C-alpha atoms as a PDB file:
ATOM      1  CA  UNK A   1     -10.861 -36.110  44.883  1.00  0.00           C
ATOM      2  CA  UNK A   2     -14.086 -35.560  43.286  1.00  0.00           C
ATOM      3  CA  UNK A   3     -14.063 -31.976  44.257  1.00  0.00           C
ATOM      4  CA  UNK A   4     -10.441 -31.360  43.131  1.00  0.00           C
ATOM      5  CA  UNK A   5     -11.413 -32.886  39.899  1.00  0.00           C
ATOM      6  CA  UNK A   6     -14.403 -30.739  39.626  1.00  0.00           C
ATOM      7  CA  UNK A   7     -12.411 -27.412  40.321  1.00  0.00           C
ATOM      8  CA  UNK A   8      -9.899 -28.722  37.738  1.00  0.00           C
ATOM      9  CA  UNK A   9     -12.521 -29.399  35.267  1.00  0.00           C
ATOM     10  CA  UNK A  10     -14.253 -25.668  36.041  1.00  0.00           C
ATOM     11  CA  UNK A  11     -10.690 -24.246  35.884  1.00  0.00           C
ATOM     12  CA  UNK A  12     -10.208 -25.865  32.317  1.00  0.00           C
ATOM     13  CA  UNK A  13     -13.617 -24.913  31.318  1.00  0.00           C
ATOM     14  CA  UNK A  14     -12.819 -21.375  32.092  1.00  0.00           C
ATOM     15  CA  UNK A  15      -9.549 -21.266  30.229  1.00  0.00           C
ATOM     16  CA  UNK A  16     -11.137 -22.633  27.245  1.00  0.00           C
ATOM     17  CA  UNK A  17     -13.676 -20.322  27.123  1.00  0.00           C
ATOM     18  CA  UNK A  18     -11.443 -17.234  27.820  1.00  0.00           C
ATOM     19  CA  UNK A  19      -9.583 -18.402  24.911  1.00  0.00           C
ATOM     20  CA  UNK A  20     -12.437 -18.705  22.775  1.00  0.00           C
ATOM     21  CA  UNK A  21     -13.489 -15.070  23.889  1.00  0.00           C
ATOM     22  CA  UNK A  22      -9.962 -13.967  23.131  1.00  0.00           C
ATOM     23  CA  UNK A  23     -10.137 -15.630  19.429  1.00  0.00           C
ATOM     24  CA  UNK A  24     -13.448 -14.164  18.582  1.00  0.00           C
ATOM     25  CA  UNK A  25     -13.201 -11.490  15.874  1.00  0.00           C
ATOM     26  CA  UNK A  26     -13.340  -7.916  16.488  1.00  0.00           C
ATOM     27  CA  UNK A  27     -16.696  -6.342  15.832  1.00  0.00           C
ATOM     28  CA  UNK A  28     -15.866  -2.454  16.095  1.00  0.00           C
ATOM     29  CA  UNK A  29     -12.676  -1.959  13.756  1.00  0.00           C
ATOM     30  CA  UNK A  30     -11.406   1.481  12.874  1.00  0.00           C
ATOM     31  CA  UNK A  31      -8.564   2.199  10.718  1.00  0.00           C
ATOM     32  CA  UNK A  32      -6.514   5.437  10.771  1.00  0.00           C
ATOM     33  CA  UNK A  33      -4.194   4.476   7.877  1.00  0.00           C
ATOM     34  CA  UNK A  34      -4.714   4.853   4.257  1.00  0.00           C
ATOM     35  CA  UNK A  35      -3.081   1.606   3.662  1.00  0.00           C
ATOM     36  CA  UNK A  36      -4.700  -0.566   6.515  1.00  0.00           C
ATOM     37  CA  UNK A  37      -8.118   1.296   5.363  1.00  0.00           C
ATOM     38  CA  UNK A  38      -7.893  -0.503   1.841  1.00  0.00           C
ATOM     39  CA  UNK A  39      -6.502  -3.688   3.232  1.00  0.00           C
ATOM     40  CA  UNK A  40      -9.525  -3.825   5.796  1.00  0.00           C
ATOM     41  CA  UNK A  41     -12.106  -2.804   3.230  1.00  0.00           C
ATOM     42  CA  UNK A  42     -10.885  -5.595   1.101  1.00  0.00           C
ATOM     43  CA  UNK A  43     -11.289  -8.259   3.797  1.00  0.00           C
ATOM     44  CA  UNK A  44     -13.849  -7.013   6.503  1.00  0.00           C
ATOM     45  CA  UNK A  45     -17.268  -8.548   7.147  1.00  0.00           C
ATOM     46  CA  UNK A  46     -20.293  -6.367   6.782  1.00  0.00           C
ATOM     47  CA  UNK A  47     -20.645  -4.146   9.476  1.00  0.00           C
ATOM     48  CA  UNK A  48     -16.886  -5.129  11.115  1.00  0.00           C
ATOM     49  CA  UNK A  49     -15.479  -1.903   9.964  1.00  0.00           C
ATOM     50  CA  UNK A  50     -16.727   1.085  11.496  1.00  0.00           C
ATOM     51  CA  UNK A  51     -14.622   4.269  10.152  1.00  0.00           C
ATOM     52  CA  UNK A  52     -11.453   4.526   7.845  1.00  0.00           C
ATOM     53  CA  UNK A  53      -9.201   7.542   7.560  1.00  0.00           C
ATOM     54  CA  UNK A  54     -10.313  10.755   5.518  1.00  0.00           C
ATOM     55  CA  UNK A  55      -7.432   9.969   3.113  1.00  0.00           C
ATOM     56  CA  UNK A  56      -9.264   6.765   2.129  1.00  0.00           C
ATOM     57  CA  UNK A  57     -11.855   9.141   0.489  1.00  0.00           C
ATOM     58  CA  UNK A  58      -9.311  11.361  -1.298  1.00  0.00           C
ATOM     59  CA  UNK A  59      -9.190  10.550  -5.003  1.00  0.00           C
ATOM     60  CA  UNK A  60      -5.611  11.614  -5.223  1.00  0.00           C
ATOM     61  CA  UNK A  61      -4.589   9.046  -2.443  1.00  0.00           C
ATOM     62  CA  UNK A  62      -7.059   6.362  -2.626  1.00  0.00           C
ATOM     63  CA  UNK A  63      -7.848   3.543  -5.196  1.00  0.00           C
ATOM     64  CA  UNK A  64     -11.174   2.668  -3.236  1.00  0.00           C
ATOM     65  CA  UNK A  65     -12.734   6.088  -2.911  1.00  0.00           C
ATOM     66  CA  UNK A  66     -16.523   4.873  -3.803  1.00  0.00           C
ATOM     67  CA  UNK A  67     -15.965   1.860  -1.035  1.00  0.00           C
ATOM     68  CA  UNK A  68     -14.531   4.347   1.672  1.00  0.00           C
ATOM     69  CA  UNK A  69     -17.448   6.747   1.345  1.00  0.00           C
ATOM     70  CA  UNK A  70     -19.677   4.187   2.806  1.00  0.00           C
ATOM     71  CA  UNK A  71     -17.944   4.485   6.141  1.00  0.00           C
ATOM     72  CA  UNK A  72     -17.351   7.484   8.470  1.00  0.00           C
ATOM     73  CA  UNK A  73     -14.021   9.078   8.145  1.00  0.00           C
ATOM     74  CA  UNK A  74     -11.574   9.874  10.953  1.00  0.00           C
ATOM     75  CA  UNK A  75      -8.719  12.237  11.114  1.00  0.00           C
ATOM     76  CA  UNK A  76      -6.531  10.160  13.215  1.00  0.00           C
ATOM     77  CA  UNK A  77      -7.222  11.884  16.789  1.00  0.00           C
ATOM     78  CA  UNK A  78      -7.195  10.118  19.783  1.00  0.00           C
ATOM     79  CA  UNK A  79     -10.580  11.579  21.252  1.00  0.00           C
ATOM     80  CA  UNK A  80     -12.564  10.849  18.084  1.00  0.00           C
ATOM     81  CA  UNK A  81     -11.083   7.131  17.714  1.00  0.00           C
ATOM     82  CA  UNK A  82     -11.952   6.471  21.407  1.00  0.00           C
ATOM     83  CA  UNK A  83     -15.416   7.514  20.942  1.00  0.00           C
ATOM     84  CA  UNK A  84     -16.140   5.307  18.445  1.00  0.00           C
ATOM     85  CA  UNK A  85     -15.432   2.350  20.997  1.00  0.00           C
ATOM     86  CA  UNK A  86     -13.144   0.270  19.220  1.00  0.00           C
ATOM     87  CA  UNK A  87     -12.091  -3.195  19.897  1.00  0.00           C
ATOM     88  CA  UNK A  88      -9.357  -3.115  17.369  1.00  0.00           C
ATOM     89  CA  UNK A  89      -7.581  -0.108  15.863  1.00  0.00           C
ATOM     90  CA  UNK A  90      -5.418  -0.333  12.766  1.00  0.00           C
ATOM     91  CA  UNK A  91      -2.402   1.937  12.267  1.00  0.00           C
ATOM     92  CA  UNK A  92       0.777   2.163  10.064  1.00  0.00           C
ATOM     93  CA  UNK A  93       4.068   2.367  11.205  1.00  0.00           C
ATOM     94  CA  UNK A  94       4.309   6.083  10.914  1.00  0.00           C
ATOM     95  CA  UNK A  95       0.861   6.811  11.595  1.00  0.00           C
ATOM     96  CA  UNK A  96      -0.083   9.545  14.247  1.00  0.00           C
ATOM     97  CA  UNK A  97       2.483   8.384  16.942  1.00  0.00           C
ATOM     98  CA  UNK A  98       1.141  10.524  19.729  1.00  0.00           C
ATOM     99  CA  UNK A  99      -2.448   8.940  18.739  1.00  0.00           C
ATOM    100  CA  UNK A 100      -1.258   5.548  18.742  1.00  0.00           C
ATOM    101  CA  UNK A 101       0.463   5.908  22.171  1.00  0.00           C
ATOM    102  CA  UNK A 102      -2.706   7.483  23.785  1.00  0.00           C
ATOM    103  CA  UNK A 103      -4.818   4.679  22.690  1.00  0.00           C
ATOM    104  CA  UNK A 104      -2.620   1.946  23.903  1.00  0.00           C
ATOM    105  CA  UNK A 105      -2.410   3.600  27.375  1.00  0.00           C
ATOM    106  CA  UNK A 106      -6.147   3.718  27.403  1.00  0.00           C
ATOM    107  CA  UNK A 107      -6.247  -0.146  26.765  1.00  0.00           C
ATOM    108  CA  UNK A 108      -7.352  -0.045  23.301  1.00  0.00           C
ATOM    109  CA  UNK A 109      -5.939  -2.925  21.093  1.00  0.00           C
ATOM    110  CA  UNK A 110      -3.830  -1.322  18.396  1.00  0.00           C
ATOM    111  CA  UNK A 111      -2.457  -3.526  15.299  1.00  0.00           C
ATOM    112  CA  UNK A 112       0.416  -1.683  13.517  1.00  0.00           C
ATOM    113  CA  UNK A 113       1.227  -2.399   9.807  1.00  0.00           C
ATOM    114  CA  UNK A 114       4.666  -1.811   8.218  1.00  0.00           C
ATOM    115  CA  UNK A 115       4.761  -0.216   4.654  1.00  0.00           C
ATOM    116  CA  UNK A 116       4.956  -3.174   2.025  1.00  0.00           C
ATOM    117  CA  UNK A 117       8.093  -2.680   0.023  1.00  0.00           C
ATOM    118  CA  UNK A 118       7.268  -5.837  -2.357  1.00  0.00           C
ATOM    119  CA  UNK A 119       4.873  -8.259  -3.355  1.00  0.00           C
ATOM    120  CA  UNK A 120       5.561 -10.692  -0.559  1.00  0.00           C
ATOM    121  CA  UNK A 121       4.730  -7.782   1.827  1.00  0.00           C
ATOM    122  CA  UNK A 122       1.465  -7.244   0.072  1.00  0.00           C
ATOM    123  CA  UNK A 123       0.686 -11.242   0.717  1.00  0.00           C
ATOM    124  CA  UNK A 124       1.853 -10.821   4.429  1.00  0.00           C
ATOM    125  CA  UNK A 125      -0.199  -7.820   5.204  1.00  0.00           C
ATOM    126  CA  UNK A 126      -3.199  -9.301   3.630  1.00  0.00           C
ATOM    127  CA  UNK A 127      -2.760 -12.625   5.634  1.00  0.00           C
ATOM    128  CA  UNK A 128      -2.305 -10.649   8.935  1.00  0.00           C
ATOM    129  CA  UNK A 129      -5.147  -8.603   8.292  1.00  0.00           C
ATOM    130  CA  UNK A 130      -7.125 -11.816   7.674  1.00  0.00           C
ATOM    131  CA  UNK A 131      -6.027 -13.024  10.730  1.00  0.00           C
ATOM    132  CA  UNK A 132      -6.900 -10.250  12.849  1.00  0.00           C
ATOM    133  CA  UNK A 133     -10.317 -10.009  11.517  1.00  0.00           C
ATOM    134  CA  UNK A 134     -11.275 -13.521  11.666  1.00  0.00           C
ATOM    135  CA  UNK A 135     -11.382 -13.452   7.589  1.00  0.00           C
ATOM    136  CA  UNK A 136      -8.308 -15.775   6.676  1.00  0.00           C
ATOM    137  CA  UNK A 137     -10.349 -17.442   3.912  1.00  0.00           C
ATOM    138  CA  UNK A 138     -11.044 -13.972   2.329  1.00  0.00           C
ATOM    139  CA  UNK A 139      -7.352 -13.032   2.676  1.00  0.00           C
ATOM    140  CA  UNK A 140      -6.186 -16.332   1.179  1.00  0.00           C
ATOM    141  CA  UNK A 141      -8.865 -15.622  -1.851  1.00  0.00           C
ATOM    142  CA  UNK A 142      -7.338 -12.152  -2.117  1.00  0.00           C
ATOM    143  CA  UNK A 143      -4.014 -13.321  -2.391  1.00  0.00           C
ATOM    144  CA  UNK A 144      -4.684 -16.122  -4.747  1.00  0.00           C
ATOM    145  CA  UNK A 145      -6.461 -13.645  -7.088  1.00  0.00           C
ATOM    146  CA  UNK A 146      -3.419 -11.456  -7.008  1.00  0.00           C
ATOM    147  CA  UNK A 147      -1.061 -13.835  -7.650  1.00  0.00           C
ATOM    148  CA  UNK A 148      -3.053 -15.060 -10.729  1.00  0.00           C
ATOM    149  CA  UNK A 149      -3.255 -11.323 -11.966  1.00  0.00           C
ATOM    150  CA  UNK A 150       0.377 -10.844 -11.485  1.00  0.00           C
ATOM    151  CA  UNK A 151       1.312 -14.202 -13.455  1.00  0.00           C
ATOM    152  CA  UNK A 152      -0.976 -13.055 -16.342  1.00  0.00           C
ATOM    153  CA  UNK A 153       0.741  -9.822 -16.569  1.00  0.00           C
ATOM    154  CA  UNK A 154       4.392 -11.202 -16.006  1.00  0.00           C
ATOM    155  CA  UNK A 155       6.072 -11.785 -19.358  1.00  0.00           C
ATOM    156  CA  UNK A 156      10.109 -12.054 -20.386  1.00  0.00           C
ATOM    157  CA  UNK A 157      10.823  -9.408 -22.750  1.00  0.00           C
ATOM    158  CA  UNK A 158      13.904 -10.071 -25.130  1.00  0.00           C
ATOM    159  CA  UNK A 159      15.325  -6.766 -24.116  1.00  0.00           C
ATOM    160  CA  UNK A 160      14.008  -4.569 -21.042  1.00  0.00           C
ATOM    161  CA  UNK A 161      13.842  -1.075 -22.106  1.00  0.00           C
ATOM    162  CA  UNK A 162      15.204   1.521 -19.501  1.00  0.00           C
ATOM    163  CA  UNK A 163      12.677   3.328 -17.573  1.00  0.00           C
ATOM    164  CA  UNK A 164      13.040   6.451 -15.065  1.00  0.00           C
ATOM    165  CA  UNK A 165      10.817   7.129 -12.216  1.00  0.00           C
ATOM    166  CA  UNK A 166      10.982  10.887 -11.797  1.00  0.00           C
ATOM    167  CA  UNK A 167       9.083  12.980  -9.351  1.00  0.00           C
ATOM    168  CA  UNK A 168       9.058  16.664  -7.597  1.00  0.00           C
ATOM    169  CA  UNK A 169      12.408  17.341  -6.061  1.00  0.00           C
ATOM    170  CA  UNK A 170      14.067  14.860  -8.308  1.00  0.00           C
ATOM    171  CA  UNK A 171      12.988  11.800  -6.189  1.00  0.00           C
ATOM    172  CA  UNK A 172      13.030   8.326  -7.520  1.00  0.00           C
ATOM    173  CA  UNK A 173      12.470   4.890  -6.116  1.00  0.00           C
ATOM    174  CA  UNK A 174      14.932   2.078  -6.693  1.00  0.00           C
ATOM    175  CA  UNK A 175      14.397  -1.702  -6.908  1.00  0.00           C
ATOM    176  CA  UNK A 176      14.109  -2.570  -3.263  1.00  0.00           C
ATOM    177  CA  UNK A 177      10.927  -0.334  -3.113  1.00  0.00           C
ATOM    178  CA  UNK A 178       7.337  -1.164  -3.890  1.00  0.00           C
ATOM    179  CA  UNK A 179       7.461   1.254  -7.033  1.00  0.00           C
ATOM    180  CA  UNK A 180      10.570  -0.273  -8.106  1.00  0.00           C
ATOM    181  CA  UNK A 181       9.125  -3.812  -7.905  1.00  0.00           C
ATOM    182  CA  UNK A 182       6.074  -2.477 -10.082  1.00  0.00           C
ATOM    183  CA  UNK A 183       8.555  -1.288 -12.699  1.00  0.00           C
ATOM    184  CA  UNK A 184      10.458  -4.637 -12.792  1.00  0.00           C
ATOM    185  CA  UNK A 185       7.343  -6.732 -12.964  1.00  0.00           C
ATOM    186  CA  UNK A 186       6.169  -4.617 -16.056  1.00  0.00           C
ATOM    187  CA  UNK A 187       9.371  -5.736 -17.959  1.00  0.00           C
ATOM    188  CA  UNK A 188      11.197  -2.693 -17.308  1.00  0.00           C
ATOM    189  CA  UNK A 189      14.738  -1.942 -16.164  1.00  0.00           C
ATOM    190  CA  UNK A 190      14.779   0.917 -13.538  1.00  0.00           C
ATOM    191  CA  UNK A 191      17.737   3.206 -13.982  1.00  0.00           C
ATOM    192  CA  UNK A 192      17.679   4.332 -10.386  1.00  0.00           C
ATOM    193  CA  UNK A 193      19.670   0.718  -9.923  1.00  0.00           C
ATOM    194  CA  UNK A 194      22.413   2.167 -12.178  1.00  0.00           C
ATOM    195  CA  UNK A 195      22.796   5.244 -10.278  1.00  0.00           C
ATOM    196  CA  UNK A 196      23.454   3.380  -6.982  1.00  0.00           C
ATOM    197  CA  UNK A 197      19.841   3.749  -5.497  1.00  0.00           C
ATOM    198  CA  UNK A 198      18.287   0.449  -3.946  1.00  0.00           C
ATOM    199  CA  UNK A 199      15.420   2.255  -1.979  1.00  0.00           C
ATOM    200  CA  UNK A 200      14.186   5.862  -2.469  1.00  0.00           C
ATOM    201  CA  UNK A 201      16.547   8.818  -2.996  1.00  0.00           C
ATOM    202  CA  UNK A 202      17.423  11.847  -5.392  1.00  0.00           C
ATOM    203  CA  UNK A 203      18.271  11.094  -9.066  1.00  0.00           C
ATOM    204  CA  UNK A 204      19.890  14.330 -10.139  1.00  0.00           C
ATOM    205  CA  UNK A 205      18.719  15.853 -13.426  1.00  0.00           C
ATOM    206  CA  UNK A 206      22.205  15.476 -14.873  1.00  0.00           C
ATOM    207  CA  UNK A 207      21.939  11.515 -14.219  1.00  0.00           C
ATOM    208  CA  UNK A 208      18.612  11.483 -15.617  1.00  0.00           C
ATOM    209  CA  UNK A 209      19.613  13.400 -18.902  1.00  0.00           C
ATOM    210  CA  UNK A 210      22.738  11.006 -19.302  1.00  0.00           C
ATOM    211  CA  UNK A 211      20.722   7.881 -18.686  1.00  0.00           C
ATOM    212  CA  UNK A 212      18.508   8.761 -21.646  1.00  0.00           C
ATOM    213  CA  UNK A 213      15.721   6.222 -20.622  1.00  0.00           C
ATOM    214  CA  UNK A 214      13.452   4.786 -22.851  1.00  0.00           C
ATOM    215  CA  UNK A 215      10.340   5.361 -20.850  1.00  0.00           C
ATOM    216  CA  UNK A 216       9.948   8.374 -18.202  1.00  0.00           C
ATOM    217  CA  UNK A 217       7.506   7.720 -15.602  1.00  0.00           C
ATOM    218  CA  UNK A 218       6.180  11.113 -14.038  1.00  0.00           C
ATOM    219  CA  UNK A 219       3.763  11.525 -11.025  1.00  0.00           C
ATOM    220  CA  UNK A 220       0.396  13.174 -11.735  1.00  0.00           C
ATOM    221  CA  UNK A 221       0.458  17.055 -10.990  1.00  0.00           C
ATOM    222  CA  UNK A 222      -1.414  18.249  -7.763  1.00  0.00           C
ATOM    223  CA  UNK A 223      -3.525  21.376  -8.233  1.00  0.00           C
ATOM    224  CA  UNK A 224      -1.456  24.619  -7.547  1.00  0.00           C
ATOM    225  CA  UNK A 225       2.367  25.147  -7.996  1.00  0.00           C
ATOM    226  CA  UNK A 226       5.313  24.527  -5.884  1.00  0.00           C
ATOM    227  CA  UNK A 227       8.903  25.107  -6.089  1.00  0.00           C
ATOM    228  CA  UNK A 228       9.269  21.004  -5.585  1.00  0.00           C
ATOM    229  CA  UNK A 229       7.813  20.567  -8.756  1.00  0.00           C
ATOM    230  CA  UNK A 230      10.032  23.141 -10.923  1.00  0.00           C
ATOM    231  CA  UNK A 231      12.164  20.478 -11.812  1.00  0.00           C
ATOM    232  CA  UNK A 232       9.962  18.690 -13.940  1.00  0.00           C
ATOM    233  CA  UNK A 233       9.420  21.767 -16.065  1.00  0.00           C
ATOM    234  CA  UNK A 234      13.095  22.062 -16.808  1.00  0.00           C
ATOM    235  CA  UNK A 235      13.536  22.304 -20.846  1.00  0.00           C
ATOM    236  CA  UNK A 236      15.929  19.034 -20.124  1.00  0.00           C
ATOM    237  CA  UNK A 237      13.224  17.042 -18.830  1.00  0.00           C
ATOM    238  CA  UNK A 238      10.960  18.329 -21.357  1.00  0.00           C
ATOM    239  CA  UNK A 239      13.085  17.562 -24.305  1.00  0.00           C
ATOM    240  CA  UNK A 240      13.688  14.009 -22.653  1.00  0.00           C
ATOM    241  CA  UNK A 241      10.050  13.261 -22.413  1.00  0.00           C
ATOM    242  CA  UNK A 242       9.510  14.364 -26.135  1.00  0.00           C
ATOM    243  CA  UNK A 243      12.336  11.880 -27.272  1.00  0.00           C
ATOM    244  CA  UNK A 244      11.439   9.155 -24.933  1.00  0.00           C
ATOM    245  CA  UNK A 245       8.126   7.383 -24.289  1.00  0.00           C
ATOM    246  CA  UNK A 246       6.390   8.922 -21.235  1.00  0.00           C
ATOM    247  CA  UNK A 247       3.534   7.882 -19.032  1.00  0.00           C
ATOM    248  CA  UNK A 248       1.990   9.107 -15.808  1.00  0.00           C
ATOM    249  CA  UNK A 249       1.327   7.151 -12.655  1.00  0.00           C
ATOM    250  CA  UNK A 250      -0.743   8.605  -9.824  1.00  0.00           C
ATOM    251  CA  UNK A 251       0.276   8.337  -6.203  1.00  0.00           C
ATOM    252  CA  UNK A 252      -2.718   6.183  -5.407  1.00  0.00           C
ATOM    253  CA  UNK A 253      -1.732   3.579  -7.575  1.00  0.00           C
ATOM    254  CA  UNK A 254       1.165   2.235  -5.770  1.00  0.00           C
ATOM    255  CA  UNK A 255       1.565   4.242  -2.534  1.00  0.00           C
ATOM    256  CA  UNK A 256      -0.206   1.182  -0.592  1.00  0.00           C
ATOM    257  CA  UNK A 257       0.431  -2.341  -1.277  1.00  0.00           C
ATOM    258  CA  UNK A 258      -2.697  -3.958  -2.152  1.00  0.00           C
ATOM    259  CA  UNK A 259      -3.937  -5.873  -5.169  1.00  0.00           C
ATOM    260  CA  UNK A 260      -4.713  -3.039  -6.788  1.00  0.00           C
ATOM    261  CA  UNK A 261      -1.069  -2.239  -7.710  1.00  0.00           C
ATOM    262  CA  UNK A 262      -1.758  -4.752 -10.735  1.00  0.00           C
ATOM    263  CA  UNK A 263      -3.350  -1.707 -12.464  1.00  0.00           C
ATOM    264  CA  UNK A 264       0.023   0.152 -12.324  1.00  0.00           C
ATOM    265  CA  UNK A 265       1.713  -2.953 -13.518  1.00  0.00           C
ATOM    266  CA  UNK A 266      -0.579  -3.238 -16.450  1.00  0.00           C
ATOM    267  CA  UNK A 267      -0.225   0.512 -17.369  1.00  0.00           C
ATOM    268  CA  UNK A 268       3.433   0.194 -17.428  1.00  0.00           C
ATOM    269  CA  UNK A 269       3.257  -3.032 -19.418  1.00  0.00           C
ATOM    270  CA  UNK A 270       1.263  -1.393 -22.073  1.00  0.00           C
ATOM    271  CA  UNK A 271       3.688   1.598 -21.994  1.00  0.00           C
ATOM    272  CA  UNK A 272       6.644  -1.093 -22.731  1.00  0.00           C
ATOM    273  CA  UNK A 273       4.857  -2.843 -25.463  1.00  0.00           C
ATOM    274  CA  UNK A 274       4.077   0.313 -27.301  1.00  0.00           C
ATOM    275  CA  UNK A 275       7.793   1.200 -27.097  1.00  0.00           C
ATOM    276  CA  UNK A 276       8.537  -2.379 -28.626  1.00  0.00           C
ATOM    277  CA  UNK A 277       5.961  -1.755 -31.462  1.00  0.00           C
ATOM    278  CA  UNK A 278       7.442   1.738 -32.226  1.00  0.00           C
ATOM    279  CA  UNK A 279      10.971   0.440 -32.485  1.00  0.00           C
END
């Protein structure tokens, strides 16, 4: 009887220790996606994050370039990731899938994050990152600061000026996208909804001109020229930009769902207030 109790106690102790070991935060975390890079840099403990993607160090893509330069950069290749001996790899839903599959076959834990389409998505991914890194308190602090900043920017305009997001290839974003939520939070009415677009899609030049928005939001140009950007130089777009208010929002301002989107909301809100003061 005593022997059985002793063995049972040993088994229970072993299970407890195994659970404790399993729950221990990862010590060598590698991120291979621009958005998980930024979430991890916001939350990771000193020394916990050992590499971020090269995009995190690109000023045209990242809002955390200076922080990212403190980490070795990776290019999402399975062999370079594996050599870093990670005990956790962070990836996006569309991150190089061949690399993710290879790492999983090699037994490397990979956490895949979906893209954020709204503010709840930002909160959810922050919370999940905090749980994975054992940094729950830091994640909740970031969420609280985000909610406080968002509340400070939100107001209720008497009438929402209309706005159009217009990018290369006549691409736009509707209400059910992170960019659309940012436009809405700034107190603007996104004309993509009037064109029947809820997510991303093409807003024909004729639709843009006929909608005659109060504010034209254009992405910042990249170096060089491309045929995709020719529509942005169309005389009708130039005339609309001259007649309406216009502002530029860089891709890094809202390509990833992090608390840094507050800066994009603030800039669009300032543009809206400028319209109201000029009317």
